[in-house]
Structure formats: C-alpha cells, structure tokens
Amino acid sequence: MRVVSMNANQIEALIGMLAVAGLFAVMVLPALLGIAHERRVGREIREAQDRFGEKEDQKSSSRSTVPSTATWYAEGRRSKKLVSS
C-alpha cells in the first residue's frame, strides 16, 4: 500500500479551494432560503385566495337583497328631513 503525501503547494491549493467553496456557500445560502420563503408565502397566499373565493361564492348565492337595518334607518331619517322642510 502506497501512502500519498501532499507537499506545501498542494495543501495551500486545497485550503484555498475550501475557502472559496465556503464563501460561495455563505453567499448563496441566504438567497436559497429567501427563494424557499417566497415560494411558501406565495403558496399560502394562493391557498387563502382560493378559500376566500369559495366563501365569496357561497355568500353571494345566499345573500339576501333586503337592506340592512342601518340603511333602513338612514333612509327613514332622510325622508323625515325632506318632509319637515
């Protein structure tokens, strides 16, 4: 069995390559995490829009056309003002 030994130049080159690889990983990792985060947030927004759309469809079909109490009260007050003047 032959033992492989490295001279000083090879060790220096290996340390340099590892340093470059480490710096590359440190610089790329935040970008990859940001992309993953944006995809997750986008998926959650789409799911929420789908759920909201389904609820709106259900509401619109069951919604009554009778005005609310606040609208009825405001209409009554307007008509009283017109009559009293």
PDB file of N, CA and C in Angstrom:
ATOM      1  N   MET A   1       0.851  -1.162   0.000  1.00  0.00           N
ATOM      2  CA  MET A   1       0.000   0.000   0.000  1.00  0.00           C
ATOM      3  C   MET A   1       0.905   1.235   0.000  1.00  0.00           C
ATOM      4  N   ARG A   2       0.489   2.175  -0.848  1.00  0.00           N
ATOM      5  CA  ARG A   2       1.303   3.375  -1.016  1.00  0.00           C
ATOM      6  C   ARG A   2       0.639   4.548  -0.286  1.00  0.00           C
ATOM      7  N   VAL A   3       1.337   5.280   0.497  1.00  0.00           N
ATOM      8  CA  VAL A   3       0.829   6.433   1.230  1.00  0.00           C
ATOM      9  C   VAL A   3       1.066   7.662   0.374  1.00  0.00           C
ATOM     10  N   VAL A   4      -0.038   8.434   0.156  1.00  0.00           N
ATOM     11  CA  VAL A   4       0.043   9.638  -0.659  1.00  0.00           C
ATOM     12  C   VAL A   4       0.309  10.814   0.267  1.00  0.00           C
ATOM     13  N   SER A   5       1.344  11.535   0.010  1.00  0.00           N
ATOM     14  CA  SER A   5       1.643  12.713   0.813  1.00  0.00           C
ATOM     15  C   SER A   5       1.540  13.950  -0.069  1.00  0.00           C
ATOM     16  N   MET A   6       1.100  15.029   0.529  1.00  0.00           N
ATOM     17  CA  MET A   6       0.924  16.279  -0.202  1.00  0.00           C
ATOM     18  C   MET A   6       2.038  17.232   0.192  1.00  0.00           C
ATOM     19  N   ASN A   7       2.517  17.957  -0.807  1.00  0.00           N
ATOM     20  CA  ASN A   7       3.527  18.961  -0.479  1.00  0.00           C
ATOM     21  C   ASN A   7       2.848  20.280  -0.097  1.00  0.00           C
ATOM     22  N   ALA A   8       3.568  21.272   0.236  1.00  0.00           N
ATOM     23  CA  ALA A   8       3.046  22.544   0.749  1.00  0.00           C
ATOM     24  C   ALA A   8       2.173  23.249  -0.281  1.00  0.00           C
ATOM     25  N   ASN A   9       2.550  23.194  -1.539  1.00  0.00           N
ATOM     26  CA  ASN A   9       1.759  23.860  -2.577  1.00  0.00           C
ATOM     27  C   ASN A   9       0.375  23.214  -2.732  1.00  0.00           C
ATOM     28  N   GLN A  10       0.331  21.906  -2.654  1.00  0.00           N
ATOM     29  CA  GLN A  10      -0.950  21.208  -2.782  1.00  0.00           C
ATOM     30  C   GLN A  10      -1.849  21.493  -1.580  1.00  0.00           C
ATOM     31  N   ILE A  11      -1.276  21.535  -0.397  1.00  0.00           N
ATOM     32  CA  ILE A  11      -2.061  21.840   0.809  1.00  0.00           C
ATOM     33  C   ILE A  11      -2.596  23.264   0.729  1.00  0.00           C
ATOM     34  N   GLU A  12      -1.761  24.179   0.265  1.00  0.00           N
ATOM     35  CA  GLU A  12      -2.196  25.567   0.131  1.00  0.00           C
ATOM     36  C   GLU A  12      -3.325  25.688  -0.898  1.00  0.00           C
ATOM     37  N   ALA A  13      -3.234  24.966  -1.999  1.00  0.00           N
ATOM     38  CA  ALA A  13      -4.278  24.978  -3.017  1.00  0.00           C
ATOM     39  C   ALA A  13      -5.579  24.388  -2.464  1.00  0.00           C
ATOM     40  N   LEU A  14      -5.477  23.303  -1.689  1.00  0.00           N
ATOM     41  CA  LEU A  14      -6.662  22.679  -1.081  1.00  0.00           C
ATOM     42  C   LEU A  14      -7.338  23.635  -0.110  1.00  0.00           C
ATOM     43  N   ILE A  15      -6.555  24.320   0.713  1.00  0.00           N
ATOM     44  CA  ILE A  15      -7.117  25.293   1.666  1.00  0.00           C
ATOM     45  C   ILE A  15      -7.794  26.432   0.905  1.00  0.00           C
ATOM     46  N   GLY A  16      -7.192  26.887  -0.173  1.00  0.00           N
ATOM     47  CA  GLY A  16      -7.795  27.944  -0.984  1.00  0.00           C
ATOM     48  C   GLY A  16      -9.110  27.509  -1.607  1.00  0.00           C
ATOM     49  N   MET A  17      -9.156  26.288  -2.138  1.00  0.00           N
ATOM     50  CA  MET A  17     -10.401  25.783  -2.735  1.00  0.00           C
ATOM     51  C   MET A  17     -11.494  25.640  -1.685  1.00  0.00           C
ATOM     52  N   LEU A  18     -11.127  25.143  -0.511  1.00  0.00           N
ATOM     53  CA  LEU A  18     -12.127  25.013   0.560  1.00  0.00           C
ATOM     54  C   LEU A  18     -12.628  26.384   1.024  1.00  0.00           C
ATOM     55  N   ALA A  19     -11.735  27.364   1.065  1.00  0.00           N
ATOM     56  CA  ALA A  19     -12.140  28.718   1.459  1.00  0.00           C
ATOM     57  C   ALA A  19     -13.104  29.309   0.434  1.00  0.00           C
ATOM     58  N   VAL A  20     -12.809  29.136  -0.858  1.00  0.00           N
ATOM     59  CA  VAL A  20     -13.701  29.648  -1.905  1.00  0.00           C
ATOM     60  C   VAL A  20     -15.044  28.939  -1.846  1.00  0.00           C
ATOM     61  N   ALA A  21     -15.036  27.616  -1.664  1.00  0.00           N
ATOM     62  CA  ALA A  21     -16.294  26.864  -1.569  1.00  0.00           C
ATOM     63  C   ALA A  21     -17.106  27.318  -0.354  1.00  0.00           C
ATOM     64  N   GLY A  22     -16.422  27.569   0.766  1.00  0.00           N
ATOM     65  CA  GLY A  22     -17.114  28.033   1.972  1.00  0.00           C
ATOM     66  C   GLY A  22     -17.730  29.410   1.774  1.00  0.00           C
ATOM     67  N   LEU A  23     -16.980  30.320   1.170  1.00  0.00           N
ATOM     68  CA  LEU A  23     -17.516  31.660   0.908  1.00  0.00           C
ATOM     69  C   LEU A  23     -18.690  31.599  -0.067  1.00  0.00           C
ATOM     70  N   PHE A  24     -18.586  30.753  -1.068  1.00  0.00           N
ATOM     71  CA  PHE A  24     -19.682  30.589  -2.026  1.00  0.00           C
ATOM     72  C   PHE A  24     -20.946  30.102  -1.314  1.00  0.00           C
ATOM     73  N   ALA A  25     -20.783  29.125  -0.430  1.00  0.00           N
ATOM     74  CA  ALA A  25     -21.931  28.591   0.316  1.00  0.00           C
ATOM     75  C   ALA A  25     -22.541  29.674   1.207  1.00  0.00           C
ATOM     76  N   VAL A  26     -21.691  30.474   1.860  1.00  0.00           N
ATOM     77  CA  VAL A  26     -22.182  31.531   2.751  1.00  0.00           C
ATOM     78  C   VAL A  26     -22.950  32.591   1.954  1.00  0.00           C
ATOM     79  N   MET A  27     -22.522  32.850   0.734  1.00  0.00           N
ATOM     80  CA  MET A  27     -23.185  33.875  -0.074  1.00  0.00           C
ATOM     81  C   MET A  27     -24.454  33.353  -0.739  1.00  0.00           C
ATOM     82  N   VAL A  28     -24.508  32.089  -1.077  1.00  0.00           N
ATOM     83  CA  VAL A  28     -25.651  31.532  -1.810  1.00  0.00           C
ATOM     84  C   VAL A  28     -26.762  31.084  -0.850  1.00  0.00           C
ATOM     85  N   LEU A  29     -26.407  30.666   0.335  1.00  0.00           N
ATOM     86  CA  LEU A  29     -27.399  30.138   1.277  1.00  0.00           C
ATOM     87  C   LEU A  29     -28.535  31.122   1.587  1.00  0.00           C
ATOM     88  N   PRO A  30     -28.270  32.406   1.876  1.00  0.00           N
ATOM     89  CA  PRO A  30     -29.387  33.330   2.133  1.00  0.00           C
ATOM     90  C   PRO A  30     -30.321  33.477   0.928  1.00  0.00           C
ATOM     91  N   ALA A  31     -29.758  33.457  -0.277  1.00  0.00           N
ATOM     92  CA  ALA A  31     -30.597  33.570  -1.464  1.00  0.00           C
ATOM     93  C   ALA A  31     -31.504  32.348  -1.595  1.00  0.00           C
ATOM     94  N   LEU A  32     -30.961  31.174  -1.350  1.00  0.00           N
ATOM     95  CA  LEU A  32     -31.767  29.956  -1.435  1.00  0.00           C
ATOM     96  C   LEU A  32     -32.853  29.943  -0.359  1.00  0.00           C
ATOM     97  N   LEU A  33     -32.518  30.390   0.838  1.00  0.00           N
ATOM     98  CA  LEU A  33     -33.524  30.468   1.900  1.00  0.00           C
ATOM     99  C   LEU A  33     -34.609  31.486   1.551  1.00  0.00           C
ATOM    100  N   GLY A  34     -34.229  32.609   0.954  1.00  0.00           N
ATOM    101  CA  GLY A  34     -35.202  33.623   0.544  1.00  0.00           C
ATOM    102  C   GLY A  34     -36.140  33.096  -0.535  1.00  0.00           C
ATOM    103  N   ILE A  35     -35.587  32.369  -1.502  1.00  0.00           N
ATOM    104  CA  ILE A  35     -36.429  31.791  -2.557  1.00  0.00           C
ATOM    105  C   ILE A  35     -37.430  30.812  -1.955  1.00  0.00           C
ATOM    106  N   ALA A  36     -36.956  29.959  -1.045  1.00  0.00           N
ATOM    107  CA  ALA A  36     -37.847  28.990  -0.402  1.00  0.00           C
ATOM    108  C   ALA A  36     -38.941  29.706   0.387  1.00  0.00           C
ATOM    109  N   HIS A  37     -38.573  30.772   1.082  1.00  0.00           N
ATOM    110  CA  HIS A  37     -39.556  31.539   1.862  1.00  0.00           C
ATOM    111  C   HIS A  37     -40.604  32.178   0.951  1.00  0.00           C
ATOM    112  N   GLU A  38     -40.152  32.799  -0.147  1.00  0.00           N
ATOM    113  CA  GLU A  38     -41.083  33.436  -1.080  1.00  0.00           C
ATOM    114  C   GLU A  38     -42.048  32.421  -1.686  1.00  0.00           C
ATOM    115  N   ARG A  39     -41.548  31.245  -2.011  1.00  0.00           N
ATOM    116  CA  ARG A  39     -42.427  30.206  -2.577  1.00  0.00           C
ATOM    117  C   ARG A  39     -43.482  29.770  -1.563  1.00  0.00           C
ATOM    118  N   ARG A  40     -43.063  29.629  -0.294  1.00  0.00           N
ATOM    119  CA  ARG A  40     -44.012  29.216   0.752  1.00  0.00           C
ATOM    120  C   ARG A  40     -45.072  30.287   0.961  1.00  0.00           C
ATOM    121  N   VAL A  41     -44.648  31.551   1.037  1.00  0.00           N
ATOM    122  CA  VAL A  41     -45.597  32.647   1.230  1.00  0.00           C
ATOM    123  C   VAL A  41     -46.546  32.740   0.034  1.00  0.00           C
ATOM    124  N   GLY A  42     -46.019  32.602  -1.174  1.00  0.00           N
ATOM    125  CA  GLY A  42     -46.858  32.635  -2.366  1.00  0.00           C
ATOM    126  C   GLY A  42     -47.890  31.529  -2.363  1.00  0.00           C
ATOM    127  N   ARG A  43     -47.476  30.329  -1.946  1.00  0.00           N
ATOM    128  CA  ARG A  43     -48.410  29.201  -1.875  1.00  0.00           C
ATOM    129  C   ARG A  43     -49.504  29.475  -0.848  1.00  0.00           C
ATOM    130  N   GLU A  44     -49.123  30.025   0.315  1.00  0.00           N
ATOM    131  CA  GLU A  44     -50.124  30.327   1.340  1.00  0.00           C
ATOM    132  C   GLU A  44     -51.100  31.391   0.861  1.00  0.00           C
ATOM    133  N   ILE A  45     -50.620  32.390   0.130  1.00  0.00           N
ATOM    134  CA  ILE A  45     -51.500  33.438  -0.389  1.00  0.00           C
ATOM    135  C   ILE A  45     -52.475  32.844  -1.407  1.00  0.00           C
ATOM    136  N   ARG A  46     -51.972  32.001  -2.310  1.00  0.00           N
ATOM    137  CA  ARG A  46     -52.867  31.376  -3.295  1.00  0.00           C
ATOM    138  C   ARG A  46     -53.930  30.525  -2.613  1.00  0.00           C
ATOM    139  N   GLU A  47     -53.529  29.751  -1.590  1.00  0.00           N
ATOM    140  CA  GLU A  47     -54.500  28.925  -0.866  1.00  0.00           C
ATOM    141  C   GLU A  47     -55.544  29.794  -0.178  1.00  0.00           C
ATOM    142  N   ALA A  48     -55.107  30.902   0.418  1.00  0.00           N
ATOM    143  CA  ALA A  48     -56.050  31.800   1.097  1.00  0.00           C
ATOM    144  C   ALA A  48     -57.001  32.437   0.087  1.00  0.00           C
ATOM    145  N   GLN A  49     -56.493  32.815  -1.077  1.00  0.00           N
ATOM    146  CA  GLN A  49     -57.357  33.392  -2.104  1.00  0.00           C
ATOM    147  C   GLN A  49     -58.368  32.360  -2.589  1.00  0.00           C
ATOM    148  N   ASP A  50     -57.940  31.116  -2.729  1.00  0.00           N
ATOM    149  CA  ASP A  50     -58.867  30.066  -3.141  1.00  0.00           C
ATOM    150  C   ASP A  50     -59.959  29.873  -2.094  1.00  0.00           C
ATOM    151  N   ARG A  51     -59.554  29.829  -0.815  1.00  0.00           N
ATOM    152  CA  ARG A  51     -60.555  29.670   0.250  1.00  0.00           C
ATOM    153  C   ARG A  51     -61.491  30.866   0.287  1.00  0.00           C
ATOM    154  N   PHE A  52     -60.942  32.078   0.147  1.00  0.00           N
ATOM    155  CA  PHE A  52     -61.758  33.289   0.183  1.00  0.00           C
ATOM    156  C   PHE A  52     -62.714  33.315  -1.003  1.00  0.00           C
ATOM    157  N   GLY A  53     -62.246  32.900  -2.161  1.00  0.00           N
ATOM    158  CA  GLY A  53     -63.103  32.855  -3.351  1.00  0.00           C
ATOM    159  C   GLY A  53     -64.257  31.893  -3.172  1.00  0.00           C
ATOM    160  N   GLU A  54     -64.001  30.747  -2.555  1.00  0.00           N
ATOM    161  CA  GLU A  54     -65.066  29.782  -2.301  1.00  0.00           C
ATOM    162  C   GLU A  54     -66.092  30.363  -1.329  1.00  0.00           C
ATOM    163  N   LYS A  55     -65.622  31.064  -0.300  1.00  0.00           N
ATOM    164  CA  LYS A  55     -66.544  31.660   0.664  1.00  0.00           C
ATOM    165  C   LYS A  55     -67.368  32.761   0.016  1.00  0.00           C
ATOM    166  N   GLU A  56     -66.750  33.569  -0.846  1.00  0.00           N
ATOM    167  CA  GLU A  56     -67.483  34.638  -1.533  1.00  0.00           C
ATOM    168  C   GLU A  56     -68.563  34.054  -2.435  1.00  0.00           C
ATOM    169  N   ASP A  57     -68.245  32.957  -3.120  1.00  0.00           N
ATOM    170  CA  ASP A  57     -69.247  32.318  -3.972  1.00  0.00           C
ATOM    171  C   ASP A  57     -70.421  31.834  -3.138  1.00  0.00           C
ATOM    172  N   GLN A  58     -70.142  31.268  -1.974  1.00  0.00           N
ATOM    173  CA  GLN A  58     -71.212  30.793  -1.109  1.00  0.00           C
ATOM    174  C   GLN A  58     -72.018  31.962  -0.564  1.00  0.00           C
ATOM    175  N   LYS A  59     -71.359  33.041  -0.189  1.00  0.00           N
ATOM    176  CA  LYS A  59     -72.062  34.193   0.356  1.00  0.00           C
ATOM    177  C   LYS A  59     -72.954  34.849  -0.694  1.00  0.00           C
ATOM    178  N   SER A  60     -72.434  35.007  -1.894  1.00  0.00           N
ATOM    179  CA  SER A  60     -73.189  35.738  -2.898  1.00  0.00           C
ATOM    180  C   SER A  60     -74.468  35.009  -3.277  1.00  0.00           C
ATOM    181  N   SER A  61     -74.463  33.691  -3.236  1.00  0.00           N
ATOM    182  CA  SER A  61     -75.672  32.962  -3.603  1.00  0.00           C
ATOM    183  C   SER A  61     -76.702  32.984  -2.476  1.00  0.00           C
ATOM    184  N   SER A  62     -76.260  33.082  -1.230  1.00  0.00           N
ATOM    185  CA  SER A  62     -77.196  33.054  -0.112  1.00  0.00           C
ATOM    186  C   SER A  62     -77.497  34.451   0.431  1.00  0.00           C
ATOM    187  N   ARG A  63     -76.916  35.466  -0.128  1.00  0.00           N
ATOM    188  CA  ARG A  63     -77.118  36.829   0.360  1.00  0.00           C
ATOM    189  C   ARG A  63     -78.529  37.322   0.032  1.00  0.00           C
ATOM    190  N   SER A  64     -79.154  37.955   0.987  1.00  0.00           N
ATOM    191  CA  SER A  64     -80.485  38.495   0.733  1.00  0.00           C
ATOM    192  C   SER A  64     -80.358  39.889   0.133  1.00  0.00           C
ATOM    193  N   THR A  65     -81.407  40.323  -0.527  1.00  0.00           N
ATOM    194  CA  THR A  65     -81.393  41.653  -1.135  1.00  0.00           C
ATOM    195  C   THR A  65     -82.068  42.682  -0.244  1.00  0.00           C
ATOM    196  N   VAL A  66     -82.439  42.296   0.965  1.00  0.00           N
ATOM    197  CA  VAL A  66     -83.067  43.213   1.909  1.00  0.00           C
ATOM    198  C   VAL A  66     -81.991  44.131   2.479  1.00  0.00           C
ATOM    199  N   PRO A  67     -82.238  45.449   2.499  1.00  0.00           N
ATOM    200  CA  PRO A  67     -81.222  46.346   3.040  1.00  0.00           C
ATOM    201  C   PRO A  67     -81.016  46.122   4.531  1.00  0.00           C
ATOM    202  N   SER A  68     -79.845  46.483   4.995  1.00  0.00           N
ATOM    203  CA  SER A  68     -79.541  46.300   6.404  1.00  0.00           C
ATOM    204  C   SER A  68     -80.327  47.310   7.240  1.00  0.00           C
ATOM    205  N   THR A  69     -80.319  47.096   8.549  1.00  0.00           N
ATOM    206  CA  THR A  69     -81.015  47.989   9.470  1.00  0.00           C
ATOM    207  C   THR A  69     -80.444  49.400   9.386  1.00  0.00           C
ATOM    208  N   ALA A  70     -79.124  49.502   9.249  1.00  0.00           N
ATOM    209  CA  ALA A  70     -78.500  50.826   9.174  1.00  0.00           C
ATOM    210  C   ALA A  70     -78.973  51.566   7.934  1.00  0.00           C
ATOM    211  N   THR A  71     -79.093  50.874   6.812  1.00  0.00           N
ATOM    212  CA  THR A  71     -79.573  51.510   5.585  1.00  0.00           C
ATOM    213  C   THR A  71     -81.031  51.938   5.750  1.00  0.00           C
ATOM    214  N   TRP A  72     -81.846  51.083   6.333  1.00  0.00           N
ATOM    215  CA  TRP A  72     -83.265  51.388   6.538  1.00  0.00           C
ATOM    216  C   TRP A  72     -83.417  52.609   7.448  1.00  0.00           C
ATOM    217  N   TYR A  73     -82.604  52.669   8.516  1.00  0.00           N
ATOM    218  CA  TYR A  73     -82.667  53.785   9.442  1.00  0.00           C
ATOM    219  C   TYR A  73     -82.245  55.083   8.749  1.00  0.00           C
ATOM    220  N   ALA A  74     -81.161  55.028   7.967  1.00  0.00           N
ATOM    221  CA  ALA A  74     -80.679  56.224   7.276  1.00  0.00           C
ATOM    222  C   ALA A  74     -81.705  56.701   6.257  1.00  0.00           C
ATOM    223  N   GLU A  75     -82.339  55.803   5.545  1.00  0.00           N
ATOM    224  CA  GLU A  75     -83.366  56.192   4.572  1.00  0.00           C
ATOM    225  C   GLU A  75     -84.540  56.869   5.276  1.00  0.00           C
ATOM    226  N   GLY A  76     -84.945  56.334   6.424  1.00  0.00           N
ATOM    227  CA  GLY A  76     -86.045  56.927   7.184  1.00  0.00           C
ATOM    228  C   GLY A  76     -85.705  58.325   7.653  1.00  0.00           C
ATOM    229  N   ARG A  77     -84.504  58.557   8.085  1.00  0.00           N
ATOM    230  CA  ARG A  77     -84.106  59.880   8.552  1.00  0.00           C
ATOM    231  C   ARG A  77     -84.064  60.883   7.390  1.00  0.00           C
ATOM    232  N   ARG A  78     -83.608  60.415   6.220  1.00  0.00           N
ATOM    233  CA  ARG A  78     -83.581  61.317   5.073  1.00  0.00           C
ATOM    234  C   ARG A  78     -84.986  61.729   4.678  1.00  0.00           C
ATOM    235  N   SER A  79     -85.907  60.793   4.669  1.00  0.00           N
ATOM    236  CA  SER A  79     -87.269  61.123   4.245  1.00  0.00           C
ATOM    237  C   SER A  79     -87.930  62.057   5.248  1.00  0.00           C
ATOM    238  N   LYS A  80     -87.649  61.917   6.547  1.00  0.00           N
ATOM    239  CA  LYS A  80     -88.211  62.815   7.559  1.00  0.00           C
ATOM    240  C   LYS A  80     -87.703  64.228   7.352  1.00  0.00           C
ATOM    241  N   LYS A  81     -86.433  64.370   6.991  1.00  0.00           N
ATOM    242  CA  LYS A  81     -85.886  65.704   6.764  1.00  0.00           C
ATOM    243  C   LYS A  81     -86.559  66.360   5.592  1.00  0.00           C
ATOM    244  N   LEU A  82     -86.827  65.608   4.564  1.00  0.00           N
ATOM    245  CA  LEU A  82     -87.476  66.187   3.381  1.00  0.00           C
ATOM    246  C   LEU A  82     -88.901  66.605   3.696  1.00  0.00           C
ATOM    247  N   VAL A  83     -89.585  65.808   4.490  1.00  0.00           N
ATOM    248  CA  VAL A  83     -90.980  66.111   4.806  1.00  0.00           C
ATOM    249  C   VAL A  83     -91.048  67.333   5.713  1.00  0.00           C
ATOM    250  N   SER A  84     -90.179  67.451   6.681  1.00  0.00           N
ATOM    251  CA  SER A  84     -90.283  68.533   7.650  1.00  0.00           C
ATOM    252  C   SER A  84     -89.860  69.880   7.076  1.00  0.00           C
ATOM    253  N   SER A  85     -89.173  69.913   5.957  1.00  0.00           N
ATOM    254  CA  SER A  85     -88.718  71.209   5.456  1.00  0.00           C
ATOM    255  C   SER A  85     -89.698  71.900   4.594  1.00  0.00           C
TER     256      SER A  85
END
